[in-house]
Amino acid sequence: MVLYIAKIKLKNLTYTIPGGFNAAPYSAELNLWELPRAQSFKGFWRWWLRALLSGALWESGKYNVRKVRQATESLLGSTNQASKFVIYVSTKGEAKPISVNAIREWRRKISQLRIAPNEFLRWLPPSPRIPPIPPRLFLLLQAGGSDKELAEKISNYQPGDLKITIELLRRPFTSPSSEECSVALSSLLLSLIFGGVGAITRRGFGSLSFTNVEISKEFQEYEDLLNDIIKMNDPSKIHDLLCQLIRRSISSAQELLGVRGTPSPNEIPDHPLLSEPGDYPSKNVRPFNLSIFTLSIPSVTDNEKTAFQLFGFKDHETMKLLTIIGYSTMKLFWKLLDRKIWKIAGFPWETWVMGLPRRQEIDKQKLQVPCFEVDLYEDSSHVGSKRWNTLKTGYLLDGEGGRRISAISIKPIKRLGKDSWIIALYGFLSKDWHDVLYHYGVTPPPKRRKKDYQVRKRKVVPPKGVTKAFVEAWIKLKKIYGVT
């Protein structure tokens, strides 16, 4: 039996921040760069395989978690058995680390380097003035640690710096069926299209683009679909091609699992899974939702150029794109879109569906106060005055933090020109959220040397409102990007 199934060549379309042994892409001490590892590709391949198998059963009306786990382990292995498939990953790339001096200079100029929201997207208002870099990078720079550690954490590969080759083969001395090979291949392709490498991938970082695809003639249909996607510049036609790939993948998975397609249950699944795509409001919301559109960004401003040059971000337009994507998921832009004053309480805008943690815990030492004097309310009831050493704000689990990936991702999939991209907005609607969340709203905004605050703790019950929150977030994002 021929072992070869596919050989796929890719490059990084956007800035990429892979994690290393010190949770950073670069170690100054060792002068060593971390390259994306095969293990990371295997990780999101397995995730998309589970989503595909789950979707195949869901679409047949026979969803079964145990069957998904068994099929996944049969194909990609477990602690008790080897995978039926092998991927070899070859990665080449060089990058320049961010200097410690850049961190120091950023701190010196941070109050001056601000731009208006309408300089990101023209339909937004001109205030407030905000940092010109992606919010996640801004938060990293605000975190504790030495200048050296911060420089290491935000060092990155520029777009096109990484050249990646992935080879998919049948494992020697195994005999996977044609259906098993088809499902393994299609789930790998889906993971590379919709996934990413490194950190902040659900906000556009680490996106990959195909440069060449060679697939065994037995699965020629997949090669034809991928080549059509590579050549196509029309977002509506790319959407149709991706839907074809999804339908073909689900059909192969149903053949493997021995189930047939029947109307899926009219309810929300317990976990993320792949389905025939929805796209509210033109189509009903579904377990998997997909919108493909073109996004052009305004010219890069002088303050953005200064910030980007400071950190060595050579591709200014791509970094501005990632900044827009990052802000589009924040309460600030949602308020501005609704023409509300940006300082008002953020509780009505349910950004928890965009991922947790969305919280801040500010230590008294950071604001240079002996303690925080808090006037605490729970829902509408005053529960008394408290002294806190840490000021809590955002979403928490009854005072404790909790993690959950975003239900919606924004991924650049093709660059059309200097300042224009084709973007995939996709999201999984599912019930796997915490039973209860609490939102802590702080008034006024935390400020150095100020110790007196009013905190309102409100209960959020995600499973009962997840569809509403998902749909509202989906609509908000499409409006921010100007998608009708």
Protein backbone atom coordinates (compact mmCIF):
# COMPACT_ATOMS: atom_id res chain seq x y z
CA MET A 1 0.00 0.00 0.00
CA VAL A 2 1.23 3.49 -0.88
CA LEU A 3 1.88 5.41 2.34
CA TYR A 4 1.69 8.91 0.82
CA ILE A 5 -1.63 10.79 1.13
CA ALA A 6 -0.79 14.49 0.85
CA LYS A 7 1.99 17.07 0.82
CA ILE A 8 0.93 20.58 1.80
CA LYS A 9 3.05 23.74 1.67
CA LEU A 10 2.06 26.84 3.62
CA LYS A 11 3.36 30.18 4.83
CA ASN A 12 2.26 32.41 7.68
CA LEU A 13 -0.12 35.06 6.35
CA THR A 14 -0.06 37.19 9.51
CA TYR A 15 2.26 37.86 12.44
CA THR A 16 2.93 34.67 14.40
CA ILE A 17 3.84 34.22 18.08
CA PRO A 18 4.67 30.56 18.82
CA GLY A 19 5.30 29.62 22.45
CA GLY A 20 8.61 28.16 23.58
CA PHE A 21 9.96 26.53 26.73
CA ASN A 22 9.72 29.90 28.53
CA ALA A 23 6.20 30.58 27.14
CA ALA A 24 7.72 33.01 24.65
CA PRO A 25 8.77 32.66 21.00
CA TYR A 26 12.31 33.87 21.72
CA SER A 27 14.91 33.36 24.44
CA ALA A 28 17.49 36.13 24.69
CA GLU A 29 19.59 34.03 27.06
CA LEU A 30 19.91 31.22 24.52
CA ASN A 31 19.51 33.40 21.42
CA LEU A 32 17.02 30.76 20.31
CA TRP A 33 13.80 31.07 18.30
CA GLU A 34 10.90 28.68 18.72
CA LEU A 35 9.57 27.23 15.46
CA PRO A 36 6.04 25.76 15.25
CA ARG A 37 6.20 22.12 16.26
CA ALA A 38 4.49 19.08 14.78
CA GLN A 39 2.75 18.59 18.13
CA SER A 40 0.87 21.89 17.78
CA PHE A 41 -0.40 20.89 14.32
CA LYS A 42 -1.45 17.51 15.71
CA GLY A 43 -3.32 19.27 18.49
CA PHE A 44 -5.59 21.37 16.34
CA TRP A 45 -5.91 18.54 13.78
CA ARG A 46 -7.32 16.33 16.56
CA TRP A 47 -9.66 19.16 17.67
CA TRP A 48 -11.09 19.57 14.16
CA LEU A 49 -11.36 15.80 13.71
CA ARG A 50 -13.53 15.62 16.84
CA ALA A 51 -15.64 18.53 15.59
CA LEU A 52 -16.07 16.80 12.21
CA LEU A 53 -17.02 13.42 13.69
CA SER A 54 -19.39 15.10 16.15
CA GLY A 55 -21.00 17.03 13.32
CA ALA A 56 -21.43 13.91 11.20
CA LEU A 57 -23.33 12.21 14.04
CA TRP A 58 -25.27 15.39 14.88
CA GLU A 59 -26.41 15.87 11.28
CA SER A 60 -27.63 12.25 11.30
CA GLY A 61 -29.52 12.73 14.57
CA LYS A 62 -27.26 10.22 16.40
CA TYR A 63 -24.83 12.38 18.36
CA ASN A 64 -22.80 10.27 20.81
CA VAL A 65 -19.77 11.57 22.73
CA ARG A 66 -18.41 8.07 23.36
CA LYS A 67 -18.54 7.17 19.67
CA VAL A 68 -16.69 10.39 18.79
CA ARG A 69 -13.94 9.59 21.29
CA GLN A 70 -13.59 6.01 20.05
CA ALA A 71 -13.39 7.07 16.40
CA THR A 72 -10.88 9.82 17.18
CA GLU A 73 -8.62 7.43 19.09
CA SER A 74 -8.93 4.83 16.34
CA LEU A 75 -7.70 7.34 13.73
CA LEU A 76 -5.20 9.51 15.61
CA GLY A 77 -4.28 7.23 18.49
CA SER A 78 -4.33 7.47 22.26
CA THR A 79 -2.14 6.45 25.20
CA ASN A 80 -3.17 2.86 24.46
CA GLN A 81 -2.73 2.70 20.69
CA ALA A 82 -0.76 4.30 17.89
CA SER A 83 -2.25 6.59 15.28
CA LYS A 84 -3.07 5.15 11.87
CA PHE A 85 -1.55 8.27 10.33
CA VAL A 86 1.72 10.19 10.56
CA ILE A 87 2.41 13.82 9.78
CA TYR A 88 5.89 15.13 9.15
CA VAL A 89 6.25 18.87 9.67
CA SER A 90 9.19 20.82 8.29
CA THR A 91 9.40 24.51 9.24
CA LYS A 92 11.91 27.12 8.16
CA GLY A 93 12.04 30.70 9.27
CA GLU A 94 14.09 33.47 10.77
CA ALA A 95 12.99 36.48 12.73
CA LYS A 96 14.44 39.45 14.56
CA PRO A 97 13.75 39.69 18.30
CA ILE A 98 12.23 42.82 19.83
CA SER A 99 14.79 44.81 21.80
CA VAL A 100 14.55 45.73 25.46
CA ASN A 101 15.03 49.36 24.42
CA ALA A 102 11.80 49.17 22.39
CA ILE A 103 9.87 48.24 25.56
CA ARG A 104 11.40 51.15 27.45
CA GLU A 105 10.69 53.58 24.62
CA TRP A 106 7.08 52.33 24.40
CA ARG A 107 6.57 53.04 28.09
CA ARG A 108 7.97 56.53 27.63
CA LYS A 109 5.72 57.33 24.65
CA ILE A 110 2.63 55.31 25.57
CA SER A 111 0.48 58.34 26.45
CA GLN A 112 1.33 60.10 23.17
CA LEU A 113 0.80 57.17 20.79
CA ARG A 114 -2.97 57.13 20.46
CA ILE A 115 -5.32 57.13 17.49
CA ALA A 116 -9.08 57.61 17.04
CA PRO A 117 -11.50 54.71 16.37
CA ASN A 118 -12.51 56.26 13.02
CA GLU A 119 -8.89 55.91 11.93
CA PHE A 120 -9.39 52.15 12.26
CA LEU A 121 -12.83 51.99 10.66
CA ARG A 122 -14.37 55.10 9.11
CA TRP A 123 -17.91 54.47 10.37
CA LEU A 124 -16.81 54.68 14.02
CA PRO A 125 -16.67 57.98 15.99
CA PRO A 126 -13.47 60.03 16.58
CA SER A 127 -13.14 59.31 20.32
CA PRO A 128 -11.78 58.04 22.62
CA ARG A 129 -8.17 57.92 21.52
CA ILE A 130 -6.77 54.41 22.04
CA PRO A 131 -3.47 52.49 21.69
CA PRO A 132 -2.59 51.66 18.05
CA ILE A 133 -1.56 48.03 18.67
CA PRO A 134 -3.65 44.86 19.15
CA PRO A 135 -5.34 44.84 22.60
CA ARG A 136 -3.75 41.49 23.53
CA LEU A 137 -0.25 42.85 22.86
CA PHE A 138 -1.12 45.97 24.83
CA LEU A 139 -2.21 43.82 27.79
CA LEU A 140 1.01 41.80 27.59
CA LEU A 141 3.00 45.02 27.72
CA GLN A 142 0.98 46.14 30.76
CA ALA A 143 1.68 42.88 32.58
CA GLY A 144 4.32 42.42 35.23
CA GLY A 145 7.79 41.18 34.44
CA SER A 146 11.08 42.64 33.35
CA ASP A 147 11.56 44.53 30.10
CA LYS A 148 13.57 41.55 28.86
CA GLU A 149 10.70 39.12 29.57
CA LEU A 150 8.15 41.38 27.86
CA ALA A 151 10.40 41.76 24.81
CA GLU A 152 10.66 37.99 24.54
CA LYS A 153 6.89 37.46 24.89
CA ILE A 154 5.91 39.77 22.02
CA SER A 155 8.73 38.84 19.65
CA ASN A 156 7.24 37.30 16.52
CA TYR A 157 7.59 36.09 12.98
CA GLN A 158 6.71 38.67 10.34
CA PRO A 159 4.17 37.65 7.65
CA GLY A 160 5.83 35.27 5.19
CA ASP A 161 8.80 34.51 7.49
CA LEU A 162 7.64 30.93 8.10
CA LYS A 163 7.68 28.29 5.38
CA ILE A 164 5.91 25.11 6.46
CA THR A 165 5.66 21.73 4.74
CA ILE A 166 3.30 19.06 6.08
CA GLU A 167 3.29 15.51 4.79
CA LEU A 168 0.40 13.19 5.66
CA LEU A 169 1.09 9.44 5.40
CA ARG A 170 -0.47 6.19 6.43
CA ARG A 171 1.50 4.70 9.30
CA PRO A 172 3.61 1.73 8.11
CA PHE A 173 2.12 -1.70 8.82
CA THR A 174 -1.40 -0.29 9.17
CA SER A 175 -4.23 -0.54 6.67
CA PRO A 176 -6.63 2.38 7.15
CA SER A 177 -9.68 2.26 4.91
CA SER A 178 -10.37 4.81 2.17
CA GLU A 179 -13.05 6.40 4.39
CA GLU A 180 -10.57 6.70 7.28
CA CYS A 181 -8.00 8.33 5.00
CA SER A 182 -10.60 10.72 3.62
CA VAL A 183 -11.72 11.80 7.10
CA ALA A 184 -8.14 12.19 8.35
CA LEU A 185 -7.22 14.28 5.28
CA SER A 186 -10.32 16.48 5.30
CA SER A 187 -10.06 17.23 9.03
CA LEU A 188 -6.39 18.17 8.58
CA LEU A 189 -7.29 20.54 5.72
CA LEU A 190 -10.07 22.13 7.79
CA SER A 191 -7.68 22.63 10.71
CA LEU A 192 -5.15 24.40 8.46
CA ILE A 193 -7.80 26.62 6.83
CA PHE A 194 -9.57 27.68 10.02
CA GLY A 195 -6.84 27.14 12.61
CA GLY A 196 -3.57 28.92 13.21
CA VAL A 197 -0.12 28.65 14.75
CA GLY A 198 0.89 30.07 18.12
CA ALA A 199 -0.93 32.61 20.29
CA ILE A 200 -3.97 34.84 19.63
CA THR A 201 -5.03 32.74 16.62
CA ARG A 202 -8.75 33.43 17.18
CA ARG A 203 -7.95 37.10 16.64
CA GLY A 204 -6.06 36.69 13.37
CA PHE A 205 -2.49 36.00 14.52
CA GLY A 206 -0.71 32.94 13.13
CA SER A 207 -3.02 32.54 10.11
CA LEU A 208 -1.74 30.26 7.37
CA SER A 209 -2.13 30.36 3.61
CA PHE A 210 -1.62 27.49 1.16
CA THR A 211 1.15 27.85 -1.42
CA ASN A 212 1.00 24.36 -2.93
CA VAL A 213 -1.07 21.20 -2.42
CA GLU A 214 -0.34 17.71 -3.74
CA ILE A 215 -2.83 14.99 -2.83
CA SER A 216 -3.03 11.34 -3.81
CA LYS A 217 -5.22 10.75 -6.89
CA GLU A 218 -7.53 8.67 -4.70
CA PHE A 219 -8.61 11.95 -3.08
CA GLN A 220 -8.30 14.26 -6.09
CA GLU A 221 -11.53 16.07 -5.18
CA TYR A 222 -9.85 17.63 -2.15
CA GLU A 223 -6.89 18.85 -4.21
CA ASP A 224 -9.24 20.40 -6.77
CA LEU A 225 -11.20 22.20 -4.03
CA LEU A 226 -8.04 23.52 -2.38
CA ASN A 227 -6.58 24.73 -5.67
CA ASP A 228 -9.84 26.50 -6.51
CA ILE A 229 -9.75 28.23 -3.10
CA ILE A 230 -6.12 29.24 -3.63
CA LYS A 231 -6.93 30.81 -7.03
CA MET A 232 -10.24 32.45 -6.08
CA ASN A 233 -10.47 36.11 -5.03
CA ASP A 234 -14.27 36.37 -4.83
CA PRO A 235 -15.41 35.97 -1.18
CA SER A 236 -18.84 34.58 -2.10
CA LYS A 237 -17.26 31.91 -4.29
CA ILE A 238 -14.70 31.06 -1.61
CA HIS A 239 -17.65 30.67 0.78
CA ASP A 240 -19.29 28.23 -1.63
CA LEU A 241 -16.06 26.25 -2.03
CA LEU A 242 -15.58 26.03 1.75
CA CYS A 243 -19.18 24.85 2.12
CA GLN A 244 -18.46 22.17 -0.49
CA LEU A 245 -15.41 21.08 1.49
CA ILE A 246 -17.44 20.95 4.72
CA ARG A 247 -20.27 18.96 3.11
CA ARG A 248 -17.80 16.53 1.55
CA SER A 249 -16.00 16.13 4.89
CA ILE A 250 -19.23 15.47 6.81
CA SER A 251 -20.37 12.99 4.17
CA SER A 252 -17.06 11.07 4.45
CA ALA A 253 -17.34 11.04 8.23
CA GLN A 254 -20.91 9.71 8.04
CA GLU A 255 -19.75 6.93 5.71
CA LEU A 256 -16.99 6.05 8.17
CA LEU A 257 -19.38 6.05 11.14
CA GLY A 258 -22.09 4.13 9.29
CA VAL A 259 -24.80 6.79 9.69
CA ARG A 260 -26.98 8.61 7.20
CA GLY A 261 -27.90 12.25 6.97
CA THR A 262 -31.30 13.13 8.41
CA PRO A 263 -32.64 16.43 9.76
CA SER A 264 -30.53 17.46 12.76
CA PRO A 265 -32.18 18.15 16.11
CA ASN A 266 -33.45 21.69 16.57
CA GLU A 267 -31.40 22.44 19.68
CA ILE A 268 -27.95 23.59 20.71
CA PRO A 269 -25.29 20.85 20.96
CA ASP A 270 -23.39 20.33 24.19
CA HIS A 271 -20.01 20.86 22.52
CA PRO A 272 -18.64 22.65 19.41
CA LEU A 273 -19.20 20.65 16.23
CA LEU A 274 -19.09 21.07 12.48
CA SER A 275 -22.38 21.38 10.59
CA GLU A 276 -23.73 22.74 7.35
CA PRO A 277 -22.83 26.44 7.91
CA GLY A 278 -25.32 29.03 9.10
CA ASP A 279 -24.87 32.79 8.75
CA TYR A 280 -27.40 34.91 10.60
CA PRO A 281 -29.48 36.80 9.42
CA SER A 282 -29.33 35.52 5.81
CA LYS A 283 -29.38 31.94 7.12
CA ASN A 284 -30.52 30.52 10.43
CA VAL A 285 -27.90 30.24 13.15
CA ARG A 286 -26.42 26.72 13.25
CA PRO A 287 -23.92 24.79 15.40
CA PHE A 288 -21.29 26.01 12.91
CA ASN A 289 -21.60 29.44 11.28
CA LEU A 290 -19.49 30.99 8.53
CA SER A 291 -19.26 34.35 6.78
CA ILE A 292 -16.59 35.23 4.20
CA PHE A 293 -16.03 38.87 3.23
CA THR A 294 -13.49 41.39 2.00
CA LEU A 295 -12.07 43.92 4.47
CA SER A 296 -10.06 46.96 3.40
CA ILE A 297 -8.37 49.10 6.03
CA PRO A 298 -7.66 52.87 6.04
CA SER A 299 -4.15 54.21 5.60
CA VAL A 300 -1.73 53.72 8.45
CA THR A 301 -1.41 56.89 10.57
CA ASP A 302 1.82 58.51 11.77
CA ASN A 303 1.25 57.35 15.35
CA GLU A 304 0.72 53.78 14.13
CA LYS A 305 3.89 53.94 12.05
CA THR A 306 5.84 55.17 15.08
CA ALA A 307 4.53 52.34 17.27
CA PHE A 308 5.04 49.67 14.61
CA GLN A 309 8.57 50.83 13.77
CA LEU A 310 9.40 50.91 17.47
CA PHE A 311 8.64 47.18 17.76
CA GLY A 312 10.07 46.28 14.36
CA PHE A 313 6.68 45.45 12.78
CA LYS A 314 7.64 45.94 9.14
CA ASP A 315 4.27 45.04 7.60
CA HIS A 316 2.27 47.99 8.92
CA GLU A 317 -0.96 47.13 7.12
CA THR A 318 -1.10 43.59 8.51
CA MET A 319 -0.46 44.81 12.05
CA LYS A 320 -3.22 47.40 11.63
CA LEU A 321 -5.56 44.63 10.44
CA LEU A 322 -4.77 42.58 13.56
CA THR A 323 -5.37 45.65 15.72
CA ILE A 324 -8.81 46.17 14.14
CA ILE A 325 -9.66 42.49 14.63
CA GLY A 326 -8.60 42.67 18.28
CA TYR A 327 -10.65 45.79 19.04
CA SER A 328 -13.69 44.42 17.19
CA THR A 329 -14.16 41.86 19.98
CA MET A 330 -14.05 44.45 22.78
CA LYS A 331 -16.90 46.19 24.59
CA LEU A 332 -15.45 49.55 23.55
CA PHE A 333 -16.12 49.04 19.83
CA TRP A 334 -19.53 47.47 20.56
CA LYS A 335 -20.54 50.57 22.53
CA LEU A 336 -19.29 52.89 19.80
CA LEU A 337 -21.16 50.89 17.16
CA ASP A 338 -24.35 51.37 19.16
CA ARG A 339 -23.58 55.12 19.41
CA LYS A 340 -23.22 54.99 23.18
CA ILE A 341 -20.81 56.96 25.34
CA TRP A 342 -17.72 54.80 25.76
CA LYS A 343 -17.50 55.46 29.52
CA ILE A 344 -20.88 53.93 30.39
CA ALA A 345 -21.13 50.56 32.16
CA GLY A 346 -20.36 47.64 29.88
CA PHE A 347 -22.65 45.03 31.45
CA PRO A 348 -25.37 45.12 28.71
CA TRP A 349 -22.82 44.06 26.06
CA GLU A 350 -22.28 40.32 26.56
CA THR A 351 -18.72 39.87 25.37
CA TRP A 352 -18.30 36.69 27.45
CA VAL A 353 -19.30 34.75 24.33
CA MET A 354 -16.04 36.04 22.79
CA GLY A 355 -14.09 33.98 25.31
CA LEU A 356 -13.09 33.89 28.98
CA PRO A 357 -11.24 35.13 30.95
CA ARG A 358 -12.48 38.65 30.33
CA ARG A 359 -11.52 39.96 33.68
CA GLN A 360 -9.04 42.19 35.41
CA GLU A 361 -7.71 41.89 38.94
CA ILE A 362 -5.86 45.06 39.89
CA ASP A 363 -3.57 44.85 42.91
CA LYS A 364 -3.58 47.74 45.39
CA GLN A 365 0.15 48.21 44.88
CA LYS A 366 -0.34 48.84 41.18
CA LEU A 367 -2.63 51.79 41.91
CA GLN A 368 -0.49 52.85 44.89
CA VAL A 369 -3.21 52.69 47.55
CA PRO A 370 -3.24 50.99 51.01
CA CYS A 371 -6.45 49.11 50.05
CA PHE A 372 -9.59 49.52 47.98
CA GLU A 373 -12.68 50.89 49.73
CA VAL A 374 -15.51 49.19 47.82
CA ASP A 375 -19.22 49.99 47.97
CA LEU A 376 -20.57 46.61 46.80
CA TYR A 377 -23.91 45.92 45.12
CA GLU A 378 -25.24 42.51 44.06
CA ASP A 379 -27.69 43.00 41.20
CA SER A 380 -29.72 45.97 42.52
CA SER A 381 -29.16 45.37 46.27
CA HIS A 382 -26.52 47.14 48.33
CA VAL A 383 -24.62 44.56 50.41
CA GLY A 384 -22.29 46.87 52.28
CA SER A 385 -18.84 48.38 52.23
CA LYS A 386 -15.81 46.13 51.78
CA ARG A 387 -12.05 46.43 51.89
CA TRP A 388 -10.33 44.64 49.01
CA ASN A 389 -6.64 44.17 48.34
CA THR A 390 -7.48 43.38 44.72
CA LEU A 391 -10.06 45.23 42.64
CA LYS A 392 -12.09 42.82 40.49
CA THR A 393 -13.66 43.81 37.18
CA GLY A 394 -15.11 41.85 34.26
CA TYR A 395 -16.43 38.27 34.20
CA LEU A 396 -15.58 35.84 37.02
CA LEU A 397 -16.93 32.58 38.44
CA ASP A 398 -18.25 33.56 41.84
CA GLY A 399 -15.07 35.46 42.53
CA GLU A 400 -12.76 33.03 40.76
CA GLY A 401 -11.46 33.10 37.21
CA GLY A 402 -12.43 30.54 34.58
CA ARG A 403 -11.26 29.86 31.03
CA ARG A 404 -13.27 29.17 27.88
CA ILE A 405 -12.20 29.77 24.28
CA SER A 406 -14.11 32.25 22.16
CA ALA A 407 -17.21 30.91 20.39
CA ILE A 408 -16.37 33.14 17.40
CA SER A 409 -13.08 33.51 15.53
CA ILE A 410 -11.87 36.02 12.95
CA LYS A 411 -9.27 34.70 10.54
CA PRO A 412 -7.62 36.32 7.50
CA ILE A 413 -7.43 33.66 4.79
CA LYS A 414 -6.10 35.59 1.79
CA ARG A 415 -4.42 38.92 1.06
CA LEU A 416 -5.73 40.69 -2.03
CA GLY A 417 -3.47 43.73 -1.96
CA LYS A 418 -1.48 45.98 0.33
CA ASP A 419 -4.46 46.89 2.49
CA SER A 420 -7.20 44.41 1.53
CA TRP A 421 -7.92 40.89 2.82
CA ILE A 422 -10.48 38.14 2.56
CA ILE A 423 -11.64 37.32 6.09
CA ALA A 424 -13.37 34.26 7.51
CA LEU A 425 -15.72 34.95 10.43
CA TYR A 426 -16.73 31.61 11.91
CA GLY A 427 -18.31 30.48 15.13
CA PHE A 428 -19.48 27.43 17.05
CA LEU A 429 -22.77 27.69 18.96
CA SER A 430 -22.77 25.25 21.88
CA LYS A 431 -23.82 24.94 25.53
CA ASP A 432 -20.44 24.22 27.12
CA TRP A 433 -20.33 27.40 29.18
CA HIS A 434 -20.24 27.73 32.95
CA ASP A 435 -23.66 27.47 34.60
CA VAL A 436 -23.28 30.89 36.19
CA LEU A 437 -20.99 33.83 35.52
CA TYR A 438 -20.71 37.04 37.50
CA HIS A 439 -19.97 40.39 35.96
CA TYR A 440 -18.16 42.93 38.14
CA GLY A 441 -18.66 46.52 36.97
CA VAL A 442 -16.39 49.14 38.54
CA THR A 443 -17.24 52.86 38.79
CA PRO A 444 -15.31 55.07 38.18
CA PRO A 445 -12.63 53.48 35.97
CA PRO A 446 -9.61 52.42 38.10
CA LYS A 447 -7.09 55.21 38.47
CA ARG A 448 -3.76 55.54 40.24
CA ARG A 449 -3.98 56.73 43.87
CA LYS A 450 -7.79 56.44 43.87
CA LYS A 451 -9.08 53.96 46.45
CA ASP A 452 -12.88 54.51 46.59
CA TYR A 453 -15.00 52.55 44.07
CA GLN A 454 -18.53 51.32 43.54
CA VAL A 455 -18.68 47.71 42.35
CA ARG A 456 -21.82 46.09 40.95
CA LYS A 457 -21.84 42.29 40.87
CA ARG A 458 -24.43 40.89 38.43
CA LYS A 459 -25.34 37.30 37.70
CA VAL A 460 -25.19 36.01 34.11
CA VAL A 461 -26.63 32.59 33.21
CA PRO A 462 -24.96 31.69 29.89
CA PRO A 463 -26.65 28.39 28.90
CA LYS A 464 -30.10 30.00 28.89
CA GLY A 465 -28.89 33.01 26.94
CA VAL A 466 -26.07 31.60 24.82
CA THR A 467 -28.00 31.72 21.52
CA LYS A 468 -29.04 35.33 22.11
CA ALA A 469 -25.50 36.33 23.09
CA PHE A 470 -24.00 34.46 20.13
CA VAL A 471 -26.39 36.02 17.60
CA GLU A 472 -25.87 39.52 19.01
CA ALA A 473 -22.08 39.09 18.88
CA TRP A 474 -22.30 37.74 15.31
CA ILE A 475 -24.37 40.74 14.21
CA LYS A 476 -22.08 43.19 16.03
CA LEU A 477 -18.96 41.82 14.36
CA LYS A 478 -20.51 41.87 10.89
CA LYS A 479 -21.62 45.48 11.39
CA ILE A 480 -18.18 46.51 12.65
CA TYR A 481 -16.63 44.99 9.52
CA GLY A 482 -19.25 46.61 7.30
CA VAL A 483 -20.77 43.30 6.20
CA THR A 484 -24.44 43.49 5.20
